[in-house]
Amino acid sequence: MYSNILVPIALDNEEDRSAQAMDIAKALSAEGATITLLHVVEAVPSYAISYISSDILDATREGIEVEMARLAAPIGANSVVIEGHSGRSILDYAEEQGNDLIVIASHRPGMQTLLLGSTATHVVRHAQCSVHVVR
């Protein structure tokens, strides 16, 4: 059983496996364990940022935080929203927080994944703790 579990959540995922990842985190958690749901907001490309008002960016961030809190509440988890590159930010956060397990959902493999890689692949390859991949 694990005591400090991180569950990265992709709110734009077409195949929503978030609920399954949270169920697995709960099942693998020790008594009194901490479960944290993490969403990484990727940076808006510099060529597009001038077309988006700060009000829209703030409202989007607020909406993400509300949705993450809603997802975390039923399982008694914490919710965190950070900015950065998803794969690297998940790994950095897990290391900083001393997580002993990452439960991450993965898209079904396809040509795009083979050519570009994926967040789950990056996390599995570089994590300093155990990783459970939900497919």
N, C-alpha and C. Protein backbone atom coordinates (compact mmCIF):
# COMPACT_ATOMS: atom_id res chain seq x y z
N MET A 1 0.84 -1.19 0.00
CA MET A 1 0.00 0.00 0.00
C MET A 1 0.88 1.25 0.00
N TYR A 2 0.33 2.33 -0.54
CA TYR A 2 1.09 3.56 -0.71
C TYR A 2 0.51 4.66 0.17
N SER A 3 1.38 5.57 0.59
CA SER A 3 0.94 6.60 1.53
C SER A 3 0.82 8.01 0.93
N ASN A 4 1.44 8.24 -0.23
CA ASN A 4 1.43 9.58 -0.83
C ASN A 4 1.30 9.41 -2.34
N ILE A 5 0.05 9.46 -2.82
CA ILE A 5 -0.26 9.10 -4.20
C ILE A 5 -0.61 10.34 -5.02
N LEU A 6 -0.05 10.40 -6.22
CA LEU A 6 -0.31 11.49 -7.15
C LEU A 6 -1.10 10.94 -8.34
N VAL A 7 -2.19 11.64 -8.68
CA VAL A 7 -3.02 11.23 -9.83
C VAL A 7 -3.12 12.42 -10.78
N PRO A 8 -2.30 12.44 -11.84
CA PRO A 8 -2.42 13.50 -12.84
C PRO A 8 -3.75 13.36 -13.58
N ILE A 9 -4.43 14.48 -13.77
CA ILE A 9 -5.74 14.49 -14.42
C ILE A 9 -5.67 15.37 -15.67
N ALA A 10 -6.06 14.80 -16.81
CA ALA A 10 -6.15 15.56 -18.06
C ALA A 10 -7.62 15.87 -18.31
N LEU A 11 -8.01 17.09 -18.11
CA LEU A 11 -9.42 17.46 -18.25
C LEU A 11 -9.89 17.49 -19.69
N ASP A 12 -8.97 17.48 -20.63
CA ASP A 12 -9.35 17.51 -22.04
C ASP A 12 -9.28 16.14 -22.70
N ASN A 13 -9.12 15.10 -21.91
CA ASN A 13 -8.96 13.74 -22.42
C ASN A 13 -10.28 13.24 -23.01
N GLU A 14 -10.22 12.80 -24.28
CA GLU A 14 -11.43 12.28 -24.92
C GLU A 14 -11.93 11.01 -24.24
N GLU A 15 -11.03 10.13 -23.89
CA GLU A 15 -11.40 8.90 -23.18
C GLU A 15 -11.15 9.16 -21.70
N ASP A 16 -12.17 9.59 -21.02
CA ASP A 16 -11.99 9.99 -19.63
C ASP A 16 -11.72 8.79 -18.74
N ARG A 17 -10.49 8.65 -18.34
CA ARG A 17 -10.09 7.56 -17.45
C ARG A 17 -9.79 8.09 -16.05
N SER A 18 -10.14 9.33 -15.81
CA SER A 18 -9.86 9.95 -14.51
C SER A 18 -10.53 9.20 -13.36
N ALA A 19 -11.79 8.84 -13.54
CA ALA A 19 -12.50 8.14 -12.47
C ALA A 19 -11.85 6.80 -12.17
N GLN A 20 -11.44 6.11 -13.20
CA GLN A 20 -10.77 4.82 -13.01
C GLN A 20 -9.43 5.01 -12.30
N ALA A 21 -8.68 6.02 -12.67
CA ALA A 21 -7.39 6.30 -12.02
C ALA A 21 -7.59 6.65 -10.55
N MET A 22 -8.63 7.41 -10.24
CA MET A 22 -8.90 7.77 -8.85
C MET A 22 -9.33 6.54 -8.04
N ASP A 23 -10.13 5.66 -8.65
CA ASP A 23 -10.53 4.43 -7.96
C ASP A 23 -9.31 3.56 -7.65
N ILE A 24 -8.41 3.46 -8.58
CA ILE A 24 -7.20 2.65 -8.37
C ILE A 24 -6.33 3.28 -7.28
N ALA A 25 -6.20 4.60 -7.30
CA ALA A 25 -5.42 5.29 -6.26
C ALA A 25 -6.01 5.00 -4.89
N LYS A 26 -7.32 5.06 -4.79
CA LYS A 26 -8.00 4.78 -3.51
C LYS A 26 -7.75 3.33 -3.07
N ALA A 27 -7.84 2.40 -4.02
CA ALA A 27 -7.65 0.99 -3.71
C ALA A 27 -6.21 0.68 -3.27
N LEU A 28 -5.25 1.42 -3.80
CA LEU A 28 -3.84 1.18 -3.48
C LEU A 28 -3.33 2.02 -2.31
N SER A 29 -4.21 2.81 -1.73
CA SER A 29 -3.77 3.70 -0.65
C SER A 29 -3.82 3.00 0.71
N ALA A 30 -2.82 3.30 1.52
CA ALA A 30 -2.76 2.79 2.89
C ALA A 30 -3.70 3.62 3.76
N GLU A 31 -3.96 3.14 4.95
CA GLU A 31 -4.78 3.89 5.91
C GLU A 31 -4.15 5.26 6.14
N GLY A 32 -4.94 6.32 6.00
CA GLY A 32 -4.45 7.68 6.23
C GLY A 32 -3.60 8.24 5.11
N ALA A 33 -3.61 7.60 3.95
CA ALA A 33 -2.79 8.06 2.82
C ALA A 33 -3.30 9.39 2.28
N THR A 34 -2.41 10.11 1.64
CA THR A 34 -2.75 11.36 0.96
C THR A 34 -2.83 11.08 -0.53
N ILE A 35 -3.95 11.49 -1.13
CA ILE A 35 -4.10 11.39 -2.58
C ILE A 35 -4.23 12.81 -3.10
N THR A 36 -3.43 13.13 -4.12
CA THR A 36 -3.46 14.46 -4.72
C THR A 36 -3.77 14.34 -6.20
N LEU A 37 -4.80 15.05 -6.64
CA LEU A 37 -5.11 15.14 -8.06
C LEU A 37 -4.38 16.37 -8.61
N LEU A 38 -3.65 16.19 -9.69
CA LEU A 38 -2.83 17.25 -10.27
C LEU A 38 -3.22 17.50 -11.70
N HIS A 39 -3.44 18.76 -12.03
CA HIS A 39 -3.66 19.15 -13.42
C HIS A 39 -2.57 20.14 -13.80
N VAL A 40 -1.94 19.90 -14.95
CA VAL A 40 -0.90 20.79 -15.44
C VAL A 40 -1.47 21.61 -16.60
N VAL A 41 -1.44 22.92 -16.45
CA VAL A 41 -1.88 23.83 -17.51
C VAL A 41 -0.67 24.14 -18.38
N GLU A 42 -0.74 23.72 -19.62
CA GLU A 42 0.36 24.00 -20.56
C GLU A 42 0.36 25.48 -20.93
N ALA A 43 1.53 26.01 -21.17
CA ALA A 43 1.66 27.42 -21.55
C ALA A 43 1.00 27.67 -22.90
N VAL A 44 0.36 28.81 -23.01
CA VAL A 44 -0.22 29.22 -24.29
C VAL A 44 0.94 29.67 -25.18
N PRO A 45 1.00 29.20 -26.43
CA PRO A 45 2.10 29.60 -27.30
C PRO A 45 2.19 31.12 -27.45
N SER A 46 3.40 31.61 -27.57
CA SER A 46 3.62 33.07 -27.62
C SER A 46 2.90 33.72 -28.80
N TYR A 47 2.76 33.01 -29.91
CA TYR A 47 2.08 33.59 -31.06
C TYR A 47 0.58 33.76 -30.82
N ALA A 48 0.02 33.06 -29.84
CA ALA A 48 -1.42 33.11 -29.58
C ALA A 48 -1.77 33.95 -28.36
N ILE A 49 -0.84 34.15 -27.46
CA ILE A 49 -1.14 34.81 -26.19
C ILE A 49 -1.66 36.23 -26.37
N SER A 50 -1.22 36.91 -27.41
CA SER A 50 -1.67 38.29 -27.62
C SER A 50 -3.14 38.37 -28.02
N TYR A 51 -3.72 37.25 -28.45
CA TYR A 51 -5.12 37.23 -28.87
C TYR A 51 -6.07 36.82 -27.74
N ILE A 52 -5.53 36.48 -26.59
CA ILE A 52 -6.36 36.01 -25.48
C ILE A 52 -6.26 37.01 -24.33
N SER A 53 -7.41 37.49 -23.88
CA SER A 53 -7.39 38.48 -22.80
C SER A 53 -7.05 37.81 -21.47
N SER A 54 -6.52 38.59 -20.57
CA SER A 54 -6.17 38.06 -19.25
C SER A 54 -7.42 37.60 -18.49
N ASP A 55 -8.56 38.25 -18.77
CA ASP A 55 -9.82 37.83 -18.14
C ASP A 55 -10.18 36.39 -18.53
N ILE A 56 -9.99 36.06 -19.79
CA ILE A 56 -10.29 34.71 -20.26
C ILE A 56 -9.33 33.71 -19.63
N LEU A 57 -8.06 34.05 -19.56
CA LEU A 57 -7.08 33.16 -18.94
C LEU A 57 -7.40 32.94 -17.47
N ASP A 58 -7.76 34.02 -16.76
CA ASP A 58 -8.11 33.90 -15.34
C ASP A 58 -9.37 33.06 -15.14
N ALA A 59 -10.38 33.28 -15.98
CA ALA A 59 -11.63 32.52 -15.87
C ALA A 59 -11.39 31.04 -16.17
N THR A 60 -10.55 30.76 -17.14
CA THR A 60 -10.22 29.37 -17.48
C THR A 60 -9.51 28.69 -16.31
N ARG A 61 -8.54 29.38 -15.73
CA ARG A 61 -7.80 28.82 -14.59
C ARG A 61 -8.76 28.56 -13.43
N GLU A 62 -9.65 29.51 -13.16
CA GLU A 62 -10.63 29.34 -12.08
C GLU A 62 -11.55 28.15 -12.34
N GLY A 63 -11.99 28.00 -13.59
CA GLY A 63 -12.85 26.88 -13.96
C GLY A 63 -12.14 25.55 -13.76
N ILE A 64 -10.87 25.49 -14.10
CA ILE A 64 -10.07 24.27 -13.92
C ILE A 64 -9.96 23.95 -12.43
N GLU A 65 -9.69 24.96 -11.61
CA GLU A 65 -9.56 24.74 -10.17
C GLU A 65 -10.87 24.24 -9.56
N VAL A 66 -11.99 24.79 -10.00
CA VAL A 66 -13.30 24.35 -9.50
C VAL A 66 -13.56 22.89 -9.90
N GLU A 67 -13.28 22.55 -11.15
CA GLU A 67 -13.50 21.18 -11.63
C GLU A 67 -12.59 20.20 -10.89
N MET A 68 -11.35 20.57 -10.66
CA MET A 68 -10.43 19.68 -9.93
C MET A 68 -10.91 19.46 -8.50
N ALA A 69 -11.38 20.50 -7.85
CA ALA A 69 -11.90 20.37 -6.48
C ALA A 69 -13.14 19.47 -6.47
N ARG A 70 -13.98 19.59 -7.50
CA ARG A 70 -15.18 18.75 -7.60
C ARG A 70 -14.80 17.28 -7.76
N LEU A 71 -13.77 17.01 -8.56
CA LEU A 71 -13.33 15.63 -8.75
C LEU A 71 -12.69 15.06 -7.48
N ALA A 72 -11.99 15.89 -6.74
CA ALA A 72 -11.25 15.44 -5.56
C ALA A 72 -12.16 15.16 -4.37
N ALA A 73 -13.24 15.91 -4.24
CA ALA A 73 -14.09 15.84 -3.05
C ALA A 73 -14.61 14.43 -2.72
N PRO A 74 -15.16 13.68 -3.67
CA PRO A 74 -15.72 12.37 -3.32
C PRO A 74 -14.73 11.36 -2.74
N ILE A 75 -13.45 11.50 -3.07
CA ILE A 75 -12.48 10.54 -2.55
C ILE A 75 -11.59 11.16 -1.46
N GLY A 76 -11.92 12.38 -1.04
CA GLY A 76 -11.15 13.03 0.03
C GLY A 76 -9.74 13.38 -0.38
N ALA A 77 -9.55 13.69 -1.66
CA ALA A 77 -8.22 14.02 -2.17
C ALA A 77 -8.00 15.53 -2.16
N ASN A 78 -6.74 15.90 -2.31
CA ASN A 78 -6.37 17.30 -2.52
C ASN A 78 -6.36 17.54 -4.02
N SER A 79 -6.55 18.79 -4.42
CA SER A 79 -6.44 19.12 -5.84
C SER A 79 -5.46 20.26 -6.01
N VAL A 80 -4.62 20.13 -7.04
CA VAL A 80 -3.58 21.12 -7.30
C VAL A 80 -3.57 21.41 -8.79
N VAL A 81 -3.42 22.69 -9.14
CA VAL A 81 -3.28 23.11 -10.53
C VAL A 81 -1.96 23.86 -10.64
N ILE A 82 -1.10 23.41 -11.56
CA ILE A 82 0.18 24.07 -11.77
C ILE A 82 0.35 24.37 -13.25
N GLU A 83 1.37 25.14 -13.58
CA GLU A 83 1.65 25.45 -14.98
C GLU A 83 2.99 24.86 -15.38
N GLY A 84 3.09 24.44 -16.64
CA GLY A 84 4.34 23.92 -17.15
C GLY A 84 4.12 22.88 -18.22
N HIS A 85 5.19 22.18 -18.57
CA HIS A 85 5.12 21.06 -19.51
C HIS A 85 4.60 19.86 -18.73
N SER A 86 3.59 19.18 -19.23
CA SER A 86 2.91 18.17 -18.43
C SER A 86 3.83 17.07 -17.91
N GLY A 87 4.56 16.41 -18.76
CA GLY A 87 5.40 15.30 -18.32
C GLY A 87 6.44 15.72 -17.29
N ARG A 88 7.19 16.75 -17.60
CA ARG A 88 8.25 17.22 -16.70
C ARG A 88 7.66 17.76 -15.40
N SER A 89 6.55 18.48 -15.48
CA SER A 89 5.94 19.08 -14.28
C SER A 89 5.39 18.01 -13.34
N ILE A 90 4.82 16.95 -13.89
CA ILE A 90 4.32 15.85 -13.05
C ILE A 90 5.48 15.22 -12.29
N LEU A 91 6.57 14.96 -12.99
CA LEU A 91 7.74 14.35 -12.35
C LEU A 91 8.35 15.26 -11.29
N ASP A 92 8.48 16.54 -11.61
CA ASP A 92 9.04 17.50 -10.64
C ASP A 92 8.16 17.59 -9.40
N TYR A 93 6.84 17.67 -9.62
CA TYR A 93 5.91 17.76 -8.49
C TYR A 93 6.00 16.51 -7.62
N ALA A 94 6.02 15.33 -8.24
CA ALA A 94 6.08 14.08 -7.49
C ALA A 94 7.36 14.01 -6.66
N GLU A 95 8.45 14.45 -7.22
CA GLU A 95 9.72 14.42 -6.49
C GLU A 95 9.70 15.42 -5.33
N GLU A 96 9.20 16.63 -5.58
CA GLU A 96 9.14 17.66 -4.53
C GLU A 96 8.24 17.22 -3.37
N GLN A 97 7.15 16.55 -3.68
CA GLN A 97 6.17 16.17 -2.66
C GLN A 97 6.46 14.80 -2.04
N GLY A 98 7.44 14.10 -2.56
CA GLY A 98 7.78 12.79 -2.01
C GLY A 98 6.73 11.72 -2.29
N ASN A 99 6.07 11.82 -3.44
CA ASN A 99 5.06 10.81 -3.78
C ASN A 99 5.72 9.45 -3.95
N ASP A 100 5.02 8.40 -3.48
CA ASP A 100 5.54 7.05 -3.62
C ASP A 100 4.81 6.27 -4.72
N LEU A 101 3.77 6.87 -5.31
CA LEU A 101 3.06 6.25 -6.42
C LEU A 101 2.43 7.33 -7.28
N ILE A 102 2.51 7.15 -8.59
CA ILE A 102 1.80 7.99 -9.56
C ILE A 102 0.84 7.06 -10.29
N VAL A 103 -0.45 7.41 -10.29
CA VAL A 103 -1.45 6.65 -11.05
C VAL A 103 -1.86 7.54 -12.21
N ILE A 104 -1.48 7.15 -13.42
CA ILE A 104 -1.69 8.01 -14.58
C ILE A 104 -2.46 7.28 -15.67
N ALA A 105 -3.42 7.96 -16.26
CA ALA A 105 -4.19 7.40 -17.36
C ALA A 105 -3.41 7.59 -18.65
N SER A 106 -3.58 6.66 -19.58
CA SER A 106 -2.89 6.73 -20.85
C SER A 106 -3.89 6.58 -21.99
N HIS A 107 -3.64 7.31 -23.06
CA HIS A 107 -4.45 7.12 -24.27
C HIS A 107 -4.10 5.77 -24.86
N ARG A 108 -5.00 5.23 -25.61
CA ARG A 108 -4.67 4.00 -26.34
C ARG A 108 -3.59 4.35 -27.36
N PRO A 109 -2.60 3.49 -27.54
CA PRO A 109 -1.52 3.83 -28.46
C PRO A 109 -2.01 3.97 -29.89
N GLY A 110 -1.42 4.91 -30.59
CA GLY A 110 -1.74 5.14 -31.99
C GLY A 110 -0.54 5.74 -32.68
N MET A 111 -0.69 6.09 -33.92
CA MET A 111 0.43 6.63 -34.68
C MET A 111 0.98 7.91 -34.05
N GLN A 112 0.11 8.78 -33.55
CA GLN A 112 0.56 10.03 -32.94
C GLN A 112 1.46 9.74 -31.74
N THR A 113 1.08 8.78 -30.92
CA THR A 113 1.88 8.42 -29.76
C THR A 113 3.23 7.87 -30.18
N LEU A 114 3.24 7.06 -31.23
CA LEU A 114 4.50 6.48 -31.68
C LEU A 114 5.47 7.54 -32.18
N LEU A 115 4.95 8.57 -32.81
CA LEU A 115 5.82 9.60 -33.37
C LEU A 115 6.18 10.69 -32.37
N LEU A 116 5.26 11.06 -31.52
CA LEU A 116 5.48 12.20 -30.65
C LEU A 116 5.74 11.84 -29.19
N GLY A 117 5.43 10.62 -28.78
CA GLY A 117 5.54 10.28 -27.37
C GLY A 117 4.31 10.77 -26.63
N SER A 118 4.22 10.44 -25.37
CA SER A 118 3.07 10.88 -24.59
C SER A 118 3.50 11.22 -23.18
N THR A 119 2.62 11.88 -22.47
CA THR A 119 2.89 12.23 -21.09
C THR A 119 3.10 10.98 -20.25
N ALA A 120 2.24 10.00 -20.40
CA ALA A 120 2.37 8.77 -19.61
C ALA A 120 3.70 8.07 -19.89
N THR A 121 4.11 8.02 -21.13
CA THR A 121 5.38 7.40 -21.48
C THR A 121 6.53 8.13 -20.81
N HIS A 122 6.50 9.44 -20.85
CA HIS A 122 7.55 10.24 -20.21
C HIS A 122 7.60 9.98 -18.71
N VAL A 123 6.44 9.94 -18.08
CA VAL A 123 6.38 9.71 -16.64
C VAL A 123 6.90 8.31 -16.30
N VAL A 124 6.48 7.30 -17.04
CA VAL A 124 6.92 5.93 -16.77
C VAL A 124 8.44 5.82 -16.90
N ARG A 125 8.99 6.43 -17.93
CA ARG A 125 10.43 6.32 -18.17
C ARG A 125 11.29 7.03 -17.14
N HIS A 126 10.78 8.12 -16.57
CA HIS A 126 11.65 8.97 -15.75
C HIS A 126 11.25 9.09 -14.28
N ALA A 127 10.16 8.49 -13.87
CA ALA A 127 9.70 8.63 -12.49
C ALA A 127 10.67 7.97 -11.51
N GLN A 128 10.81 8.59 -10.35
CA GLN A 128 11.66 8.04 -9.29
C GLN A 128 10.84 7.21 -8.30
N CYS A 129 9.55 7.03 -8.60
CA CYS A 129 8.68 6.24 -7.73
C CYS A 129 7.89 5.26 -8.60
N SER A 130 7.07 4.45 -7.97
CA SER A 130 6.23 3.50 -8.70
C SER A 130 5.21 4.24 -9.55
N VAL A 131 4.87 3.65 -10.70
CA VAL A 131 3.88 4.25 -11.59
C VAL A 131 2.90 3.15 -11.98
N HIS A 132 1.61 3.45 -11.86
CA HIS A 132 0.54 2.56 -12.31
C HIS A 132 -0.14 3.24 -13.48
N VAL A 133 -0.14 2.59 -14.65
CA VAL A 133 -0.74 3.17 -15.85
C VAL A 133 -2.12 2.56 -16.06
N VAL A 134 -3.11 3.42 -16.23
CA VAL A 134 -4.49 3.00 -16.50
C VAL A 134 -4.73 3.11 -17.99
N ARG A 135 -5.17 2.01 -18.57
CA ARG A 135 -5.44 2.00 -20.00
C ARG A 135 -6.88 1.82 -20.28
